[in-house]
Amino acid sequence: MKKIFLLVILFTIVLFSCKKDKQIEISTTPELAFLSISPSAAIEYQDKITIAISYKDGDGDLGENTPDVKNLFLTDSRNNVTYQYRISQLAPSGQAIAIEGNLIIELKNTAITNGSTSQSVSYTIYTKDRAGHVSNTISTSAITVIQ
């Protein structure tokens, strides 16, 4: 009887310890999330603006090795001017692998556009992968541009 009882307990332990790992599925359309923007007050024409974002792409085709192709777009909220950047290819060609990580976007400087001594600005950002999938559009928090 003890052997049967021990066998049942052993079988139960083995049965419940063999769980299939849950696979987290990431969309093949790139997904962005805003992390940070700095500085909170930028001196016009002088301070570099640094924006940190995170990305996820389920098939790894975010980024491009062709220098002339632009695939990241940052739009100024004050005047709708869009700056275009290139994300370098992040995964080998032909490999459909999920990728995720962080990117840093640097805007060399900015100016006050309304003639005042200070102005608030935020940016919207989106990207496009090699298959033409357009990511969600994210917004940064506002910073102040000062003279």
N, C-alpha and C. Protein backbone atom coordinates (compact mmCIF):
# COMPACT_ATOMS: atom_id res chain seq x y z
N MET A 1 0.82 -1.18 0.00
CA MET A 1 0.00 0.00 0.00
C MET A 1 0.87 1.26 0.00
N LYS A 2 1.97 1.22 0.75
CA LYS A 2 2.88 2.36 0.79
C LYS A 2 3.48 2.62 -0.58
N LYS A 3 3.81 1.55 -1.30
CA LYS A 3 4.40 1.69 -2.63
C LYS A 3 3.42 2.36 -3.59
N ILE A 4 2.16 1.98 -3.53
CA ILE A 4 1.15 2.57 -4.41
C ILE A 4 0.97 4.04 -4.06
N PHE A 5 0.93 4.35 -2.76
CA PHE A 5 0.78 5.72 -2.31
C PHE A 5 1.96 6.57 -2.78
N LEU A 6 3.18 6.08 -2.64
CA LEU A 6 4.37 6.80 -3.09
C LEU A 6 4.38 6.97 -4.60
N LEU A 7 3.92 5.93 -5.32
CA LEU A 7 3.83 5.99 -6.78
C LEU A 7 2.83 7.06 -7.22
N VAL A 8 1.70 7.14 -6.55
CA VAL A 8 0.69 8.15 -6.88
C VAL A 8 1.25 9.55 -6.61
N ILE A 9 1.93 9.75 -5.50
CA ILE A 9 2.52 11.05 -5.18
C ILE A 9 3.59 11.42 -6.21
N LEU A 10 4.45 10.48 -6.55
CA LEU A 10 5.50 10.71 -7.53
C LEU A 10 4.89 11.06 -8.89
N PHE A 11 3.87 10.33 -9.31
CA PHE A 11 3.19 10.59 -10.57
C PHE A 11 2.56 11.99 -10.57
N THR A 12 1.94 12.37 -9.46
CA THR A 12 1.31 13.69 -9.34
C THR A 12 2.35 14.81 -9.44
N ILE A 13 3.49 14.62 -8.77
CA ILE A 13 4.56 15.63 -8.82
C ILE A 13 5.07 15.77 -10.24
N VAL A 14 5.32 14.67 -10.91
CA VAL A 14 5.82 14.70 -12.29
C VAL A 14 4.79 15.36 -13.20
N LEU A 15 3.53 15.02 -13.04
CA LEU A 15 2.47 15.57 -13.88
C LEU A 15 2.38 17.08 -13.75
N PHE A 16 2.43 17.61 -12.54
CA PHE A 16 2.28 19.05 -12.35
C PHE A 16 3.57 19.83 -12.58
N SER A 17 4.70 19.18 -12.58
CA SER A 17 5.95 19.90 -12.82
C SER A 17 6.26 20.02 -14.31
N CYS A 18 5.57 19.32 -15.14
CA CYS A 18 5.80 19.35 -16.59
C CYS A 18 4.80 20.30 -17.25
N LYS A 19 5.03 21.59 -17.08
CA LYS A 19 4.17 22.58 -17.71
C LYS A 19 4.84 23.07 -18.97
N LYS A 20 4.03 23.29 -19.99
CA LYS A 20 4.54 23.85 -21.22
C LYS A 20 4.77 25.35 -20.99
N ASP A 21 5.96 25.84 -21.40
CA ASP A 21 6.25 27.27 -21.26
C ASP A 21 5.30 28.06 -22.13
N LYS A 22 4.79 29.13 -21.56
CA LYS A 22 3.92 30.01 -22.33
C LYS A 22 4.79 30.86 -23.25
N GLN A 23 4.46 30.84 -24.51
CA GLN A 23 5.16 31.67 -25.49
C GLN A 23 4.46 33.02 -25.54
N ILE A 24 5.22 34.07 -25.40
CA ILE A 24 4.67 35.40 -25.54
C ILE A 24 4.78 35.76 -27.01
N GLU A 25 3.66 36.00 -27.63
CA GLU A 25 3.66 36.31 -29.04
C GLU A 25 3.78 37.82 -29.23
N ILE A 26 4.73 38.20 -30.07
CA ILE A 26 4.94 39.60 -30.38
C ILE A 26 4.46 39.84 -31.80
N SER A 27 3.73 40.90 -32.01
CA SER A 27 3.18 41.23 -33.32
C SER A 27 4.29 41.46 -34.34
N THR A 28 4.00 41.14 -35.61
CA THR A 28 4.96 41.43 -36.69
C THR A 28 4.94 42.91 -37.07
N THR A 29 3.97 43.65 -36.57
CA THR A 29 3.96 45.10 -36.72
C THR A 29 4.74 45.68 -35.55
N PRO A 30 5.74 46.51 -35.81
CA PRO A 30 6.56 47.05 -34.72
C PRO A 30 5.71 47.79 -33.69
N GLU A 31 6.10 47.66 -32.43
CA GLU A 31 5.43 48.35 -31.33
C GLU A 31 6.46 49.22 -30.61
N LEU A 32 6.10 50.47 -30.38
CA LEU A 32 6.98 51.41 -29.69
C LEU A 32 6.38 51.82 -28.36
N ALA A 33 7.25 52.20 -27.43
CA ALA A 33 6.83 52.77 -26.15
C ALA A 33 7.82 53.88 -25.79
N PHE A 34 7.28 54.98 -25.27
CA PHE A 34 8.11 56.12 -24.85
C PHE A 34 8.73 55.81 -23.50
N LEU A 35 10.03 56.09 -23.36
CA LEU A 35 10.73 55.90 -22.09
C LEU A 35 11.08 57.23 -21.43
N SER A 36 11.78 58.11 -22.17
CA SER A 36 12.20 59.37 -21.55
C SER A 36 12.62 60.39 -22.60
N ILE A 37 12.66 61.65 -22.16
CA ILE A 37 13.20 62.74 -22.98
C ILE A 37 14.01 63.64 -22.05
N SER A 38 15.15 64.11 -22.53
CA SER A 38 15.96 65.01 -21.71
C SER A 38 16.74 65.96 -22.61
N PRO A 39 17.07 67.12 -22.13
CA PRO A 39 16.78 67.67 -20.81
C PRO A 39 15.33 68.16 -20.74
N SER A 40 14.88 68.50 -19.56
CA SER A 40 13.50 69.00 -19.41
C SER A 40 13.41 70.46 -19.86
N ALA A 41 14.53 71.17 -19.84
CA ALA A 41 14.62 72.53 -20.37
C ALA A 41 15.86 72.59 -21.25
N ALA A 42 15.65 72.89 -22.54
CA ALA A 42 16.75 72.92 -23.50
C ALA A 42 17.00 74.35 -23.96
N ILE A 43 18.27 74.74 -23.97
CA ILE A 43 18.64 76.07 -24.47
C ILE A 43 18.63 76.02 -25.99
N GLU A 44 17.87 76.93 -26.59
CA GLU A 44 17.72 76.89 -28.05
C GLU A 44 19.07 76.99 -28.75
N TYR A 45 19.20 76.25 -29.84
CA TYR A 45 20.39 76.17 -30.68
C TYR A 45 21.61 75.55 -30.00
N GLN A 46 21.50 75.20 -28.71
CA GLN A 46 22.67 74.68 -28.00
C GLN A 46 22.50 73.24 -27.54
N ASP A 47 21.43 72.96 -26.82
CA ASP A 47 21.30 71.67 -26.15
C ASP A 47 20.78 70.57 -27.09
N LYS A 48 21.43 69.44 -27.01
CA LYS A 48 20.98 68.25 -27.72
C LYS A 48 19.80 67.67 -26.95
N ILE A 49 18.79 67.21 -27.67
CA ILE A 49 17.62 66.58 -27.05
C ILE A 49 17.72 65.08 -27.28
N THR A 50 17.64 64.33 -26.19
CA THR A 50 17.79 62.88 -26.25
C THR A 50 16.46 62.22 -25.87
N ILE A 51 15.98 61.35 -26.74
CA ILE A 51 14.72 60.65 -26.53
C ILE A 51 15.01 59.15 -26.50
N ALA A 52 14.54 58.49 -25.46
CA ALA A 52 14.70 57.03 -25.35
C ALA A 52 13.33 56.37 -25.58
N ILE A 53 13.31 55.36 -26.45
CA ILE A 53 12.10 54.60 -26.72
C ILE A 53 12.43 53.12 -26.66
N SER A 54 11.42 52.30 -26.47
CA SER A 54 11.61 50.85 -26.58
C SER A 54 10.86 50.37 -27.80
N TYR A 55 11.29 49.22 -28.34
CA TYR A 55 10.65 48.64 -29.51
C TYR A 55 10.48 47.14 -29.31
N LYS A 56 9.49 46.58 -30.02
CA LYS A 56 9.28 45.14 -30.14
C LYS A 56 8.88 44.88 -31.58
N ASP A 57 9.41 43.80 -32.15
CA ASP A 57 9.02 43.41 -33.51
C ASP A 57 9.06 41.90 -33.60
N GLY A 58 7.94 41.30 -33.92
CA GLY A 58 7.79 39.85 -33.88
C GLY A 58 8.52 39.09 -34.96
N ASP A 59 8.85 39.74 -36.08
CA ASP A 59 9.56 39.00 -37.13
C ASP A 59 10.95 39.56 -37.42
N GLY A 60 11.41 40.51 -36.63
CA GLY A 60 12.79 40.97 -36.70
C GLY A 60 13.16 41.80 -37.92
N ASP A 61 12.17 42.32 -38.65
CA ASP A 61 12.52 43.08 -39.86
C ASP A 61 12.50 44.59 -39.63
N LEU A 62 12.73 45.00 -38.40
CA LEU A 62 12.85 46.42 -38.10
C LEU A 62 14.30 46.83 -38.34
N GLY A 63 14.49 47.93 -39.02
CA GLY A 63 15.84 48.40 -39.33
C GLY A 63 16.21 48.12 -40.77
N GLU A 64 17.20 48.84 -41.23
CA GLU A 64 17.56 48.78 -42.65
C GLU A 64 19.05 49.05 -42.79
N ASN A 65 19.72 48.30 -43.69
CA ASN A 65 21.14 48.53 -43.93
C ASN A 65 21.41 49.51 -45.06
N THR A 66 20.40 49.82 -45.86
CA THR A 66 20.57 50.79 -46.94
C THR A 66 20.58 52.20 -46.36
N PRO A 67 21.69 52.94 -46.52
CA PRO A 67 21.83 54.24 -45.86
C PRO A 67 20.76 55.27 -46.24
N ASP A 68 20.24 55.22 -47.46
CA ASP A 68 19.28 56.23 -47.91
C ASP A 68 17.86 55.98 -47.43
N VAL A 69 17.57 54.80 -46.91
CA VAL A 69 16.21 54.47 -46.47
C VAL A 69 15.99 55.01 -45.06
N LYS A 70 14.94 55.77 -44.89
CA LYS A 70 14.57 56.32 -43.58
C LYS A 70 13.41 55.50 -43.05
N ASN A 71 13.47 55.14 -41.75
CA ASN A 71 12.44 54.25 -41.20
C ASN A 71 11.99 54.65 -39.80
N LEU A 72 12.46 55.78 -39.29
CA LEU A 72 11.99 56.29 -38.01
C LEU A 72 11.67 57.77 -38.22
N PHE A 73 10.49 58.18 -37.75
CA PHE A 73 10.00 59.52 -38.04
C PHE A 73 9.61 60.22 -36.74
N LEU A 74 10.16 61.42 -36.54
CA LEU A 74 9.94 62.21 -35.33
C LEU A 74 9.34 63.54 -35.76
N THR A 75 8.14 63.86 -35.27
CA THR A 75 7.45 65.07 -35.68
C THR A 75 7.34 66.05 -34.51
N ASP A 76 7.72 67.30 -34.78
CA ASP A 76 7.66 68.40 -33.81
C ASP A 76 6.20 68.85 -33.68
N SER A 77 5.69 68.92 -32.45
CA SER A 77 4.28 69.28 -32.22
C SER A 77 3.96 70.73 -32.56
N ARG A 78 4.96 71.59 -32.60
CA ARG A 78 4.71 73.02 -32.80
C ARG A 78 4.48 73.39 -34.26
N ASN A 79 5.18 72.71 -35.15
CA ASN A 79 5.14 73.12 -36.56
C ASN A 79 4.95 71.95 -37.53
N ASN A 80 4.77 70.75 -36.98
CA ASN A 80 4.59 69.53 -37.78
C ASN A 80 5.75 69.21 -38.71
N VAL A 81 6.94 69.70 -38.40
CA VAL A 81 8.14 69.33 -39.15
C VAL A 81 8.52 67.92 -38.72
N THR A 82 8.75 67.04 -39.70
CA THR A 82 9.11 65.65 -39.41
C THR A 82 10.58 65.43 -39.74
N TYR A 83 11.32 64.94 -38.76
CA TYR A 83 12.72 64.57 -38.93
C TYR A 83 12.76 63.07 -39.24
N GLN A 84 13.59 62.70 -40.21
CA GLN A 84 13.66 61.30 -40.62
C GLN A 84 15.02 60.72 -40.23
N TYR A 85 14.98 59.51 -39.68
CA TYR A 85 16.18 58.81 -39.24
C TYR A 85 16.19 57.41 -39.83
N ARG A 86 17.35 56.79 -39.76
CA ARG A 86 17.46 55.38 -40.17
C ARG A 86 17.86 54.55 -38.97
N ILE A 87 17.04 53.54 -38.67
CA ILE A 87 17.42 52.53 -37.69
C ILE A 87 18.21 51.49 -38.47
N SER A 88 19.43 51.19 -38.03
CA SER A 88 20.21 50.14 -38.68
C SER A 88 19.52 48.80 -38.48
N GLN A 89 19.74 47.90 -39.42
CA GLN A 89 19.12 46.57 -39.33
C GLN A 89 19.48 45.91 -38.01
N LEU A 90 18.46 45.38 -37.32
CA LEU A 90 18.65 44.86 -35.96
C LEU A 90 18.77 43.35 -35.89
N ALA A 91 18.33 42.64 -36.93
CA ALA A 91 18.42 41.17 -36.96
C ALA A 91 18.89 40.76 -38.36
N PRO A 92 19.54 39.60 -38.49
CA PRO A 92 20.02 39.17 -39.81
C PRO A 92 18.87 39.02 -40.81
N SER A 93 19.15 39.32 -42.07
CA SER A 93 18.16 39.15 -43.14
C SER A 93 17.73 37.69 -43.22
N GLY A 94 16.47 37.48 -43.52
CA GLY A 94 15.95 36.13 -43.68
C GLY A 94 15.66 35.40 -42.38
N GLN A 95 15.88 36.04 -41.26
CA GLN A 95 15.62 35.43 -39.95
C GLN A 95 14.36 36.03 -39.36
N ALA A 96 13.31 35.24 -39.25
CA ALA A 96 12.06 35.74 -38.65
C ALA A 96 12.11 35.49 -37.15
N ILE A 97 12.84 36.34 -36.44
CA ILE A 97 12.99 36.18 -34.99
C ILE A 97 12.44 37.41 -34.29
N ALA A 98 11.82 37.22 -33.15
CA ALA A 98 11.29 38.33 -32.37
C ALA A 98 12.45 39.10 -31.76
N ILE A 99 12.36 40.41 -31.86
CA ILE A 99 13.40 41.27 -31.28
C ILE A 99 12.73 42.34 -30.42
N GLU A 100 13.46 42.79 -29.41
CA GLU A 100 13.01 43.92 -28.60
C GLU A 100 14.22 44.58 -27.98
N GLY A 101 14.08 45.85 -27.69
CA GLY A 101 15.19 46.59 -27.10
C GLY A 101 14.86 48.06 -26.97
N ASN A 102 15.88 48.86 -26.79
CA ASN A 102 15.72 50.30 -26.64
C ASN A 102 16.51 51.03 -27.72
N LEU A 103 16.01 52.18 -28.11
CA LEU A 103 16.68 53.05 -29.07
C LEU A 103 16.81 54.44 -28.47
N ILE A 104 17.89 55.12 -28.84
CA ILE A 104 18.11 56.51 -28.44
C ILE A 104 18.04 57.36 -29.70
N ILE A 105 17.20 58.39 -29.67
CA ILE A 105 17.08 59.33 -30.78
C ILE A 105 17.68 60.65 -30.30
N GLU A 106 18.56 61.22 -31.11
CA GLU A 106 19.18 62.49 -30.74
C GLU A 106 18.80 63.56 -31.75
N LEU A 107 18.24 64.63 -31.23
CA LEU A 107 17.93 65.80 -32.03
C LEU A 107 19.02 66.82 -31.69
N LYS A 108 19.79 67.23 -32.69
CA LYS A 108 20.98 68.06 -32.46
C LYS A 108 20.68 69.29 -31.60
N ASN A 109 19.60 69.97 -31.90
CA ASN A 109 19.15 71.12 -31.12
C ASN A 109 17.78 71.52 -31.63
N THR A 110 17.20 72.55 -31.04
CA THR A 110 15.91 73.07 -31.51
C THR A 110 15.87 74.56 -31.25
N ALA A 111 14.82 75.19 -31.76
CA ALA A 111 14.68 76.64 -31.62
C ALA A 111 13.27 76.97 -31.14
N ILE A 112 13.12 78.16 -30.66
CA ILE A 112 11.79 78.67 -30.32
C ILE A 112 11.16 79.13 -31.63
N THR A 113 9.94 78.70 -31.89
CA THR A 113 9.32 78.97 -33.19
C THR A 113 8.26 80.08 -33.16
N ASN A 114 7.95 80.60 -31.97
CA ASN A 114 6.87 81.58 -31.90
C ASN A 114 7.32 82.97 -31.47
N GLY A 115 8.61 83.23 -31.42
CA GLY A 115 9.12 84.56 -31.07
C GLY A 115 9.15 84.88 -29.58
N SER A 116 8.73 83.95 -28.73
CA SER A 116 8.75 84.20 -27.29
C SER A 116 10.12 83.85 -26.71
N THR A 117 10.24 83.97 -25.38
CA THR A 117 11.52 83.63 -24.74
C THR A 117 11.58 82.17 -24.29
N SER A 118 10.43 81.50 -24.28
CA SER A 118 10.40 80.06 -23.98
C SER A 118 9.19 79.45 -24.66
N GLN A 119 9.30 78.15 -24.92
CA GLN A 119 8.21 77.47 -25.63
C GLN A 119 8.23 75.98 -25.28
N SER A 120 7.04 75.43 -25.12
CA SER A 120 6.90 74.00 -24.83
C SER A 120 6.86 73.23 -26.15
N VAL A 121 7.49 72.05 -26.14
CA VAL A 121 7.48 71.20 -27.33
C VAL A 121 7.41 69.73 -26.90
N SER A 122 6.70 68.95 -27.68
CA SER A 122 6.72 67.49 -27.55
C SER A 122 6.85 66.91 -28.95
N TYR A 123 7.08 65.64 -29.03
CA TYR A 123 7.30 64.99 -30.32
C TYR A 123 6.45 63.73 -30.42
N THR A 124 6.06 63.40 -31.65
CA THR A 124 5.44 62.11 -31.91
C THR A 124 6.42 61.30 -32.74
N ILE A 125 6.38 59.98 -32.54
CA ILE A 125 7.37 59.10 -33.16
C ILE A 125 6.67 57.85 -33.67
N TYR A 126 7.05 57.42 -34.87
CA TYR A 126 6.62 56.12 -35.37
C TYR A 126 7.73 55.56 -36.24
N THR A 127 7.64 54.29 -36.57
CA THR A 127 8.63 53.64 -37.41
C THR A 127 7.94 52.75 -38.44
N LYS A 128 8.71 52.33 -39.43
CA LYS A 128 8.21 51.44 -40.46
C LYS A 128 9.24 50.33 -40.67
N ASP A 129 8.79 49.06 -40.72
CA ASP A 129 9.74 47.96 -40.91
C ASP A 129 9.93 47.67 -42.40
N ARG A 130 10.81 46.71 -42.73
CA ARG A 130 11.12 46.41 -44.12
C ARG A 130 9.93 45.85 -44.89
N ALA A 131 8.96 45.27 -44.20
CA ALA A 131 7.76 44.76 -44.87
C ALA A 131 6.73 45.86 -45.10
N GLY A 132 7.01 47.06 -44.59
CA GLY A 132 6.08 48.17 -44.76
C GLY A 132 5.08 48.33 -43.63
N HIS A 133 5.20 47.51 -42.57
CA HIS A 133 4.31 47.65 -41.42
C HIS A 133 4.66 48.93 -40.66
N VAL A 134 3.66 49.77 -40.40
CA VAL A 134 3.87 51.01 -39.66
C VAL A 134 3.50 50.78 -38.20
N SER A 135 4.39 51.17 -37.32
CA SER A 135 4.19 50.99 -35.87
C SER A 135 3.09 51.91 -35.35
N ASN A 136 2.79 51.73 -34.09
CA ASN A 136 1.96 52.69 -33.38
C ASN A 136 2.72 54.01 -33.28
N THR A 137 1.99 55.10 -33.10
CA THR A 137 2.60 56.42 -32.92
C THR A 137 2.61 56.73 -31.43
N ILE A 138 3.78 57.12 -30.94
CA ILE A 138 3.91 57.46 -29.52
C ILE A 138 4.21 58.94 -29.39
N SER A 139 3.94 59.49 -28.22
CA SER A 139 4.22 60.90 -27.94
C SER A 139 5.17 61.00 -26.77
N THR A 140 6.06 61.97 -26.84
CA THR A 140 6.96 62.23 -25.72
C THR A 140 6.25 63.15 -24.74
N SER A 141 6.80 63.26 -23.57
CA SER A 141 6.34 64.30 -22.66
C SER A 141 6.92 65.62 -23.17
N ALA A 142 6.39 66.72 -22.69
CA ALA A 142 6.82 68.04 -23.15
C ALA A 142 8.10 68.48 -22.44
N ILE A 143 8.90 69.21 -23.19
CA ILE A 143 10.04 69.91 -22.61
C ILE A 143 9.89 71.39 -22.93
N THR A 144 10.70 72.22 -22.29
CA THR A 144 10.64 73.66 -22.54
C THR A 144 11.92 74.08 -23.24
N VAL A 145 11.77 74.83 -24.32
CA VAL A 145 12.91 75.41 -25.02
C VAL A 145 13.03 76.85 -24.52
N ILE A 146 14.24 77.21 -24.08
CA ILE A 146 14.46 78.56 -23.52
C ILE A 146 15.60 79.25 -24.26
N GLN A 147 15.61 80.59 -24.19
CA GLN A 147 16.68 81.35 -24.83
C GLN A 147 17.95 81.27 -24.02
